[in-house]
PDB file of N, CA and C in Angstrom:
ATOM      1  N   MET A   1      95.716 108.507  76.271  1.00  0.00           N
ATOM      2  CA  MET A   1      95.589 109.118  77.595  1.00  0.00           C
ATOM      3  C   MET A   1      96.950 109.057  78.299  1.00  0.00           C
ATOM      4  N   ASP A   2      97.259 110.100  78.979  1.00  0.00           N
ATOM      5  CA  ASP A   2      98.513 110.205  79.727  1.00  0.00           C
ATOM      6  C   ASP A   2      98.529 109.126  80.824  1.00  0.00           C
ATOM      7  N   PRO A   3      99.553 108.277  80.870  1.00  0.00           N
ATOM      8  CA  PRO A   3      99.593 107.208  81.883  1.00  0.00           C
ATOM      9  C   PRO A   3      99.654 107.733  83.309  1.00  0.00           C
ATOM     10  N   ARG A   4     100.068 108.976  83.480  1.00  0.00           N
ATOM     11  CA  ARG A   4     100.083 109.556  84.826  1.00  0.00           C
ATOM     12  C   ARG A   4      98.667 109.673  85.376  1.00  0.00           C
ATOM     13  N   PHE A   5      97.699 109.929  84.492  1.00  0.00           N
ATOM     14  CA  PHE A   5      96.309 110.024  84.938  1.00  0.00           C
ATOM     15  C   PHE A   5      95.795 108.668  85.405  1.00  0.00           C
ATOM     16  N   LYS A   6      96.195 107.619  84.724  1.00  0.00           N
ATOM     17  CA  LYS A   6      95.770 106.276  85.109  1.00  0.00           C
ATOM     18  C   LYS A   6      96.289 105.938  86.513  1.00  0.00           C
ATOM     19  N   VAL A   7      97.555 106.255  86.758  1.00  0.00           N
ATOM     20  CA  VAL A   7      98.165 105.995  88.070  1.00  0.00           C
ATOM     21  C   VAL A   7      97.494 106.848  89.137  1.00  0.00           C
ATOM     22  N   SER A   8      97.305 108.128  88.845  1.00  0.00           N
ATOM     23  CA  SER A   8      96.716 109.019  89.852  1.00  0.00           C
ATOM     24  C   SER A   8      95.254 108.667  90.129  1.00  0.00           C
ATOM     25  N   ASN A   9      94.513 108.244  89.124  1.00  0.00           N
ATOM     26  CA  ASN A   9      93.127 107.823  89.344  1.00  0.00           C
ATOM     27  C   ASN A   9      93.062 106.574  90.215  1.00  0.00           C
ATOM     28  N   ARG A  10      93.947 105.621  89.971  1.00  0.00           N
ATOM     29  CA  ARG A  10      93.983 104.398  90.784  1.00  0.00           C
ATOM     30  C   ARG A  10      94.318 104.735  92.231  1.00  0.00           C
ATOM     31  N   GLU A  11      95.301 105.598  92.425  1.00  0.00           N
ATOM     32  CA  GLU A  11      95.697 105.971  93.786  1.00  0.00           C
ATOM     33  C   GLU A  11      94.596 106.769  94.483  1.00  0.00           C
ATOM     34  N   ALA A  12      93.893 107.611  93.742  1.00  0.00           N
ATOM     35  CA  ALA A  12      92.788 108.368  94.329  1.00  0.00           C
ATOM     36  C   ALA A  12      91.667 107.435  94.766  1.00  0.00           C
ATOM     37  N   LEU A  13      91.351 106.444  93.937  1.00  0.00           N
ATOM     38  CA  LEU A  13      90.316 105.477  94.304  1.00  0.00           C
ATOM     39  C   LEU A  13      90.720 104.665  95.533  1.00  0.00           C
ATOM     40  N   MET A  14      91.995 104.332  95.641  1.00  0.00           N
ATOM     41  CA  MET A  14      92.472 103.619  96.825  1.00  0.00           C
ATOM     42  C   MET A  14      92.334 104.495  98.067  1.00  0.00           C
ATOM     43  N   GLY A  15      92.644 105.770  97.943  1.00  0.00           N
ATOM     44  CA  GLY A  15      92.501 106.695  99.063  1.00  0.00           C
ATOM     45  C   GLY A  15      91.056 106.871  99.483  1.00  0.00           C
ATOM     46  N   ILE A  16      90.166 106.970  98.516  1.00  0.00           N
ATOM     47  CA  ILE A  16      88.739 107.082  98.817  1.00  0.00           C
ATOM     48  C   ILE A  16      88.242 105.810  99.498  1.00  0.00           C
ATOM     49  N   GLY A  17      88.691 104.668  99.000  1.00  0.00           N
ATOM     50  CA  GLY A  17      88.304 103.394  99.624  1.00  0.00           C
ATOM     51  C   GLY A  17      88.756 103.314 101.069  1.00  0.00           C
ATOM     52  N   LEU A  18      89.968 103.761 101.337  1.00  0.00           N
ATOM     53  CA  LEU A  18      90.476 103.747 102.706  1.00  0.00           C
ATOM     54  C   LEU A  18      89.688 104.714 103.587  1.00  0.00           C
ATOM     55  N   ALA A  19      89.313 105.873 103.058  1.00  0.00           N
ATOM     56  CA  ALA A  19      88.510 106.831 103.817  1.00  0.00           C
ATOM     57  C   ALA A  19      87.128 106.264 104.138  1.00  0.00           C
ATOM     58  N   VAL A  20      86.532 105.551 103.179  1.00  0.00           N
ATOM     59  CA  VAL A  20      85.229 104.921 103.410  1.00  0.00           C
ATOM     60  C   VAL A  20      85.353 103.836 104.483  1.00  0.00           C
ATOM     61  N   LEU A  21      86.410 103.026 104.403  1.00  0.00           N
ATOM     62  CA  LEU A  21      86.627 102.010 105.435  1.00  0.00           C
ATOM     63  C   LEU A  21      86.834 102.646 106.807  1.00  0.00           C
ATOM     64  N   ASN A  22      87.536 103.765 106.855  1.00  0.00           N
ATOM     65  CA  ASN A  22      87.739 104.472 108.123  1.00  0.00           C
ATOM     66  C   ASN A  22      86.396 104.934 108.697  1.00  0.00           C
ATOM     67  N   PHE A  23      85.540 105.465 107.850  1.00  0.00           N
ATOM     68  CA  PHE A  23      84.228 105.905 108.319  1.00  0.00           C
ATOM     69  C   PHE A  23      83.403 104.724 108.820  1.00  0.00           C
ATOM     70  N   ILE A  24      83.424 103.618 108.100  1.00  0.00           N
ATOM     71  CA  ILE A  24      82.680 102.425 108.530  1.00  0.00           C
ATOM     72  C   ILE A  24      83.200 101.939 109.874  1.00  0.00           C
ATOM     73  N   TRP A  25      84.534 101.895 110.034  1.00  0.00           N
ATOM     74  CA  TRP A  25      85.157 101.503 111.308  1.00  0.00           C
ATOM     75  C   TRP A  25      84.655 102.405 112.429  1.00  0.00           C
ATOM     76  N   TRP A  26      84.773 103.714 112.209  1.00  0.00           N
ATOM     77  CA  TRP A  26      84.377 104.678 113.223  1.00  0.00           C
ATOM     78  C   TRP A  26      82.902 104.532 113.571  1.00  0.00           C
ATOM     79  N   TYR A  27      82.046 104.472 112.575  1.00  0.00           N
ATOM     80  CA  TYR A  27      80.606 104.392 112.781  1.00  0.00           C
ATOM     81  C   TYR A  27      80.227 103.104 113.514  1.00  0.00           C
ATOM     82  N   ALA A  28      80.810 101.977 113.109  1.00  0.00           N
ATOM     83  CA  ALA A  28      80.472 100.692 113.723  1.00  0.00           C
ATOM     84  C   ALA A  28      80.839 100.672 115.200  1.00  0.00           C
ATOM     85  N   PHE A  29      82.022 101.156 115.544  1.00  0.00           N
ATOM     86  CA  PHE A  29      82.413 101.149 116.955  1.00  0.00           C
ATOM     87  C   PHE A  29      81.697 102.237 117.750  1.00  0.00           C
ATOM     88  N   ALA A  30      81.568 103.427 117.181  1.00  0.00           N
ATOM     89  CA  ALA A  30      80.955 104.533 117.923  1.00  0.00           C
ATOM     90  C   ALA A  30      79.480 104.265 118.201  1.00  0.00           C
ATOM     91  N   TYR A  31      78.748 103.815 117.210  1.00  0.00           N
ATOM     92  CA  TYR A  31      77.322 103.596 117.410  1.00  0.00           C
ATOM     93  C   TYR A  31      77.000 102.168 117.821  1.00  0.00           C
ATOM     94  N   GLY A  32      77.884 101.230 117.496  1.00  0.00           N
ATOM     95  CA  GLY A  32      77.651  99.842 117.910  1.00  0.00           C
ATOM     96  C   GLY A  32      77.880  99.654 119.396  1.00  0.00           C
ATOM     97  N   LEU A  33      79.023 100.118 119.894  1.00  0.00           N
ATOM     98  CA  LEU A  33      79.324  99.985 121.322  1.00  0.00           C
ATOM     99  C   LEU A  33      78.767 101.147 122.127  1.00  0.00           C
ATOM    100  N   GLY A  34      78.551 102.282 121.504  1.00  0.00           N
ATOM    101  CA  GLY A  34      78.097 103.462 122.226  1.00  0.00           C
ATOM    102  C   GLY A  34      76.601 103.566 122.369  1.00  0.00           C
ATOM    103  N   GLY A  35      75.873 102.596 121.861  1.00  0.00           N
ATOM    104  CA  GLY A  35      74.419 102.643 121.918  1.00  0.00           C
ATOM    105  C   GLY A  35      73.836 102.090 123.213  1.00  0.00           C
ATOM    106  N   LYS A  36      74.682 101.717 124.138  1.00  0.00           N
ATOM    107  CA  LYS A  36      74.216 101.166 125.414  1.00  0.00           C
ATOM    108  C   LYS A  36      73.995 102.296 126.421  1.00  0.00           C
ATOM    109  N   PRO A  37      73.293 101.988 127.506  1.00  0.00           N
ATOM    110  CA  PRO A  37      73.228 102.980 128.592  1.00  0.00           C
ATOM    111  C   PRO A  37      74.629 103.214 129.168  1.00  0.00           C
ATOM    112  N   VAL A  38      74.871 104.412 129.660  1.00  0.00           N
ATOM    113  CA  VAL A  38      76.196 104.797 130.148  1.00  0.00           C
ATOM    114  C   VAL A  38      76.681 103.879 131.274  1.00  0.00           C
ATOM    115  N   LYS A  39      75.788 103.392 132.101  1.00  0.00           N
ATOM    116  CA  LYS A  39      76.176 102.525 133.219  1.00  0.00           C
ATOM    117  C   LYS A  39      76.736 101.188 132.747  1.00  0.00           C
ATOM    118  N   GLU A  40      76.449 100.805 131.514  1.00  0.00           N
ATOM    119  CA  GLU A  40      76.929  99.524 130.981  1.00  0.00           C
ATOM    120  C   GLU A  40      78.228  99.665 130.177  1.00  0.00           C
ATOM    121  N   TYR A  41      78.754 100.865 130.045  1.00  0.00           N
ATOM    122  CA  TYR A  41      79.980 101.064 129.278  1.00  0.00           C
ATOM    123  C   TYR A  41      81.150 100.334 129.922  1.00  0.00           C
ATOM    124  N   GLN A  42      82.021  99.833 129.086  1.00  0.00           N
ATOM    125  CA  GLN A  42      83.309  99.316 129.543  1.00  0.00           C
ATOM    126  C   GLN A  42      84.348 100.387 129.228  1.00  0.00           C
ATOM    127  N   TYR A  43      85.411 100.433 130.038  1.00  0.00           N
ATOM    128  CA  TYR A  43      86.403 101.485 129.884  1.00  0.00           C
ATOM    129  C   TYR A  43      87.779 100.907 129.603  1.00  0.00           C
ATOM    130  N   ILE A  44      88.505 101.564 128.719  1.00  0.00           N
ATOM    131  CA  ILE A  44      89.888 101.208 128.386  1.00  0.00           C
ATOM    132  C   ILE A  44      90.715 102.474 128.567  1.00  0.00           C
ATOM    133  N   TRP A  45      91.693 102.420 129.466  1.00  0.00           N
ATOM    134  CA  TRP A  45      92.556 103.575 129.766  1.00  0.00           C
ATOM    135  C   TRP A  45      91.729 104.792 130.179  1.00  0.00           C
ATOM    136  N   GLY A  46      90.629 104.565 130.854  1.00  0.00           N
ATOM    137  CA  GLY A  46      89.785 105.656 131.316  1.00  0.00           C
ATOM    138  C   GLY A  46      88.839 106.213 130.272  1.00  0.00           C
ATOM    139  N   LEU A  47      88.845 105.646 129.086  1.00  0.00           N
ATOM    140  CA  LEU A  47      87.964 106.089 128.003  1.00  0.00           C
ATOM    141  C   LEU A  47      86.889 105.038 127.770  1.00  0.00           C
ATOM    142  N   PRO A  48      85.688 105.450 127.400  1.00  0.00           N
ATOM    143  CA  PRO A  48      84.677 104.448 127.035  1.00  0.00           C
ATOM    144  C   PRO A  48      85.202 103.586 125.879  1.00  0.00           C
ATOM    145  N   ALA A  49      84.891 102.298 125.921  1.00  0.00           N
ATOM    146  CA  ALA A  49      85.404 101.369 124.904  1.00  0.00           C
ATOM    147  C   ALA A  49      85.027 101.815 123.495  1.00  0.00           C
ATOM    148  N   TRP A  50      83.805 102.321 123.309  1.00  0.00           N
ATOM    149  CA  TRP A  50      83.399 102.745 121.968  1.00  0.00           C
ATOM    150  C   TRP A  50      84.284 103.879 121.468  1.00  0.00           C
ATOM    151  N   PHE A  51      84.643 104.811 122.349  1.00  0.00           N
ATOM    152  CA  PHE A  51      85.501 105.923 121.941  1.00  0.00           C
ATOM    153  C   PHE A  51      86.922 105.435 121.680  1.00  0.00           C
ATOM    154  N   PHE A  52      87.429 104.565 122.548  1.00  0.00           N
ATOM    155  CA  PHE A  52      88.785 104.059 122.380  1.00  0.00           C
ATOM    156  C   PHE A  52      88.936 103.334 121.048  1.00  0.00           C
ATOM    157  N   TYR A  53      88.002 102.413 120.743  1.00  0.00           N
ATOM    158  CA  TYR A  53      88.115 101.654 119.491  1.00  0.00           C
ATOM    159  C   TYR A  53      87.836 102.512 118.264  1.00  0.00           C
ATOM    160  N   SER A  54      86.867 103.420 118.341  1.00  0.00           N
ATOM    161  CA  SER A  54      86.518 104.199 117.154  1.00  0.00           C
ATOM    162  C   SER A  54      87.538 105.295 116.872  1.00  0.00           C
ATOM    163  N   CYS A  55      88.063 105.938 117.902  1.00  0.00           N
ATOM    164  CA  CYS A  55      88.946 107.082 117.683  1.00  0.00           C
ATOM    165  C   CYS A  55      90.425 106.772 117.910  1.00  0.00           C
ATOM    166  N   VAL A  56      90.768 106.189 119.038  1.00  0.00           N
ATOM    167  CA  VAL A  56      92.184 105.961 119.356  1.00  0.00           C
ATOM    168  C   VAL A  56      92.738 104.801 118.535  1.00  0.00           C
ATOM    169  N   ALA A  57      92.123 103.624 118.657  1.00  0.00           N
ATOM    170  CA  ALA A  57      92.608 102.458 117.916  1.00  0.00           C
ATOM    171  C   ALA A  57      92.420 102.668 116.408  1.00  0.00           C
ATOM    172  N   GLY A  58      91.308 103.296 116.010  1.00  0.00           N
ATOM    173  CA  GLY A  58      91.065 103.558 114.594  1.00  0.00           C
ATOM    174  C   GLY A  58      92.141 104.448 113.991  1.00  0.00           C
ATOM    175  N   PHE A  59      92.561 105.470 114.741  1.00  0.00           N
ATOM    176  CA  PHE A  59      93.619 106.348 114.262  1.00  0.00           C
ATOM    177  C   PHE A  59      94.917 105.569 114.044  1.00  0.00           C
ATOM    178  N   VAL A  60      95.268 104.719 114.994  1.00  0.00           N
ATOM    179  CA  VAL A  60      96.510 103.936 114.885  1.00  0.00           C
ATOM    180  C   VAL A  60      96.424 102.965 113.711  1.00  0.00           C
ATOM    181  N   VAL A  61      95.331 102.230 113.617  1.00  0.00           N
ATOM    182  CA  VAL A  61      95.162 101.237 112.548  1.00  0.00           C
ATOM    183  C   VAL A  61      95.204 101.904 111.176  1.00  0.00           C
ATOM    184  N   PHE A  62      94.474 102.992 111.004  1.00  0.00           N
ATOM    185  CA  PHE A  62      94.414 103.607 109.684  1.00  0.00           C
ATOM    186  C   PHE A  62      95.667 104.407 109.356  1.00  0.00           C
ATOM    187  N   SER A  63      96.390 104.873 110.352  1.00  0.00           N
ATOM    188  CA  SER A  63      97.693 105.486 110.077  1.00  0.00           C
ATOM    189  C   SER A  63      98.655 104.440 109.529  1.00  0.00           C
ATOM    190  N   ILE A  64      98.641 103.255 110.103  1.00  0.00           N
ATOM    191  CA  ILE A  64      99.486 102.159 109.611  1.00  0.00           C
ATOM    192  C   ILE A  64      99.053 101.745 108.210  1.00  0.00           C
ATOM    193  N   LEU A  65      97.749 101.654 107.981  1.00  0.00           N
ATOM    194  CA  LEU A  65      97.258 101.282 106.650  1.00  0.00           C
ATOM    195  C   LEU A  65      97.652 102.313 105.588  1.00  0.00           C
ATOM    196  N   VAL A  66      97.593 103.594 105.922  1.00  0.00           N
ATOM    197  CA  VAL A  66      98.012 104.636 104.973  1.00  0.00           C
ATOM    198  C   VAL A  66      99.494 104.479 104.664  1.00  0.00           C
ATOM    199  N   TYR A  67     100.312 104.275 105.679  1.00  0.00           N
ATOM    200  CA  TYR A  67     101.746 104.095 105.474  1.00  0.00           C
ATOM    201  C   TYR A  67     102.018 102.903 104.548  1.00  0.00           C
ATOM    202  N   VAL A  68     101.380 101.772 104.826  1.00  0.00           N
ATOM    203  CA  VAL A  68     101.574 100.575 104.011  1.00  0.00           C
ATOM    204  C   VAL A  68     101.091 100.812 102.581  1.00  0.00           C
ATOM    205  N   MET A  69      99.945 101.452 102.446  1.00  0.00           N
ATOM    206  CA  MET A  69      99.400 101.696 101.116  1.00  0.00           C
ATOM    207  C   MET A  69     100.340 102.583 100.299  1.00  0.00           C
ATOM    208  N   VAL A  70     100.886 103.616 100.910  1.00  0.00           N
ATOM    209  CA  VAL A  70     101.794 104.514 100.185  1.00  0.00           C
ATOM    210  C   VAL A  70     103.081 103.790  99.819  1.00  0.00           C
ATOM    211  N   LYS A  71     103.647 103.014 100.728  1.00  0.00           N
ATOM    212  CA  LYS A  71     104.916 102.329 100.465  1.00  0.00           C
ATOM    213  C   LYS A  71     104.764 101.197  99.454  1.00  0.00           C
ATOM    214  N   VAL A  72     103.638 100.492  99.471  1.00  0.00           N
ATOM    215  CA  VAL A  72     103.480  99.300  98.635  1.00  0.00           C
ATOM    216  C   VAL A  72     102.806  99.604  97.290  1.00  0.00           C
ATOM    217  N   PHE A  73     101.744 100.407  97.303  1.00  0.00           N
ATOM    218  CA  PHE A  73     100.924 100.549  96.106  1.00  0.00           C
ATOM    219  C   PHE A  73     101.148 101.836  95.319  1.00  0.00           C
ATOM    220  N   PHE A  74     101.613 102.891  95.958  1.00  0.00           N
ATOM    221  CA  PHE A  74     101.771 104.154  95.251  1.00  0.00           C
ATOM    222  C   PHE A  74     103.093 104.180  94.497  1.00  0.00           C
ATOM    223  N   LYS A  75     103.090 104.836  93.343  1.00  0.00           N
ATOM    224  CA  LYS A  75     104.280 104.934  92.501  1.00  0.00           C
ATOM    225  C   LYS A  75     104.723 106.386  92.405  1.00  0.00           C
ATOM    226  N   GLU A  76     106.018 106.566  92.208  1.00  0.00           N
ATOM    227  CA  GLU A  76     106.557 107.898  91.960  1.00  0.00           C
ATOM    228  C   GLU A  76     106.214 108.275  90.523  1.00  0.00           C
ATOM    229  N   VAL A  77     105.559 109.411  90.355  1.00  0.00           N
ATOM    230  CA  VAL A  77     105.146 109.861  89.032  1.00  0.00           C
ATOM    231  C   VAL A  77     105.753 111.240  88.793  1.00  0.00           C
ATOM    232  N   PRO A  78     106.526 111.404  87.717  1.00  0.00           N
ATOM    233  CA  PRO A  78     107.119 112.720  87.438  1.00  0.00           C
ATOM    234  C   PRO A  78     106.043 113.703  86.978  1.00  0.00           C
ATOM    235  N   PHE A  79     106.204 114.959  87.393  1.00  0.00           N
ATOM    236  CA  PHE A  79     105.247 115.998  87.003  1.00  0.00           C
ATOM    237  C   PHE A  79     105.636 116.684  85.705  1.00  0.00           C
ATOM    238  N   GLU A  80     106.892 116.588  85.321  1.00  0.00           N
ATOM    239  CA  GLU A  80     107.367 117.297  84.144  1.00  0.00           C
ATOM    240  C   GLU A  80     106.853 116.633  82.872  1.00  0.00           C
ATOM    241  N   GLU A  81     106.364 117.427  81.967  1.00  0.00           N
ATOM    242  CA  GLU A  81     105.882 116.939  80.675  1.00  0.00           C
ATOM    243  C   GLU A  81     107.051 116.426  79.837  1.00  0.00           C
ATOM    244  N   ASP A  82     108.235 117.039  79.983  1.00  0.00           N
ATOM    245  CA  ASP A  82     109.406 116.637  79.211  1.00  0.00           C
ATOM    246  C   ASP A  82     109.795 115.191  79.524  1.00  0.00           C
ATOM    247  N   HIS A  83     109.740 114.822  80.788  1.00  0.00           N
ATOM    248  CA  HIS A  83     110.099 113.455  81.176  1.00  0.00           C
ATOM    249  C   HIS A  83     109.142 112.451  80.526  1.00  0.00           C
ATOM    250  N   PHE A  84     107.861 112.790  80.491  1.00  0.00           N
ATOM    251  CA  PHE A  84     106.874 111.905  79.866  1.00  0.00           C
ATOM    252  C   PHE A  84     107.143 111.764  78.375  1.00  0.00           C
ATOM    253  N   GLN A  85     107.491 112.844  77.706  1.00  0.00           N
ATOM    254  CA  GLN A  85     107.754 112.798  76.266  1.00  0.00           C
ATOM    255  C   GLN A  85     108.972 111.925  75.969  1.00  0.00           C
ATOM    256  N   GLU A  86     110.016 112.008  76.817  1.00  0.00           N
ATOM    257  CA  GLU A  86     111.218 111.205  76.606  1.00  0.00           C
ATOM    258  C   GLU A  86     110.930 109.721  76.774  1.00  0.00           C
ATOM    259  N   THR A  87     110.186 109.348  77.812  1.00  0.00           N
ATOM    260  CA  THR A  87     109.900 107.931  78.044  1.00  0.00           C
ATOM    261  C   THR A  87     108.909 107.406  77.014  1.00  0.00           C
ATOM    262  N   LYS A  88     108.018 108.269  76.540  1.00  0.00           N
ATOM    263  CA  LYS A  88     107.055 107.845  75.520  1.00  0.00           C
ATOM    264  C   LYS A  88     107.794 107.517  74.224  1.00  0.00           C
ATOM    265  N   GLY A  89     108.798 108.313  73.899  1.00  0.00           N
ATOM    266  CA  GLY A  89     109.582 108.063  72.693  1.00  0.00           C
ATOM    267  C   GLY A  89     110.386 106.784  72.786  1.00  0.00           C
ATOM    268  N   GLU A  90     110.832 106.431  73.999  1.00  0.00           N
ATOM    269  CA  GLU A  90     111.608 105.211  74.184  1.00  0.00           C
ATOM    270  C   GLU A  90     110.758 103.949  74.070  1.00  0.00           C
ATOM    271  N   GLU A  91     109.453 104.069  74.400  1.00  0.00           N
ATOM    272  CA  GLU A  91     108.585 102.881  74.375  1.00  0.00           C
ATOM    273  C   GLU A  91     108.244 102.462  72.952  1.00  0.00           C
ATOM    274  N   LYS A  92     108.312 103.362  72.011  1.00  0.00           N
ATOM    275  CA  LYS A  92     107.905 103.051  70.632  1.00  0.00           C
ATOM    276  C   LYS A  92     108.891 102.148  69.954  1.00  0.00           C
TER     277      LYS A  92
END
């Protein structure tokens, strides 16, 4: 199997995992804090706390997580088949 597929599959699974965590974050704050009567809402910067944490803070947190994930875990993979053939020959 082409090692590029192994790398791309791992990175895709990491991206899916991050998307699932983002949804859980959003759902927990939106429905956890937003399930109260409107008169009981707390406000941050003029926004309901559930909206601020689920959308504003969630966007900032997950943007940072995406940046870290790309810089730390993702690898540069060449698309050219010729490059793969040359490195494969060197490994033998």
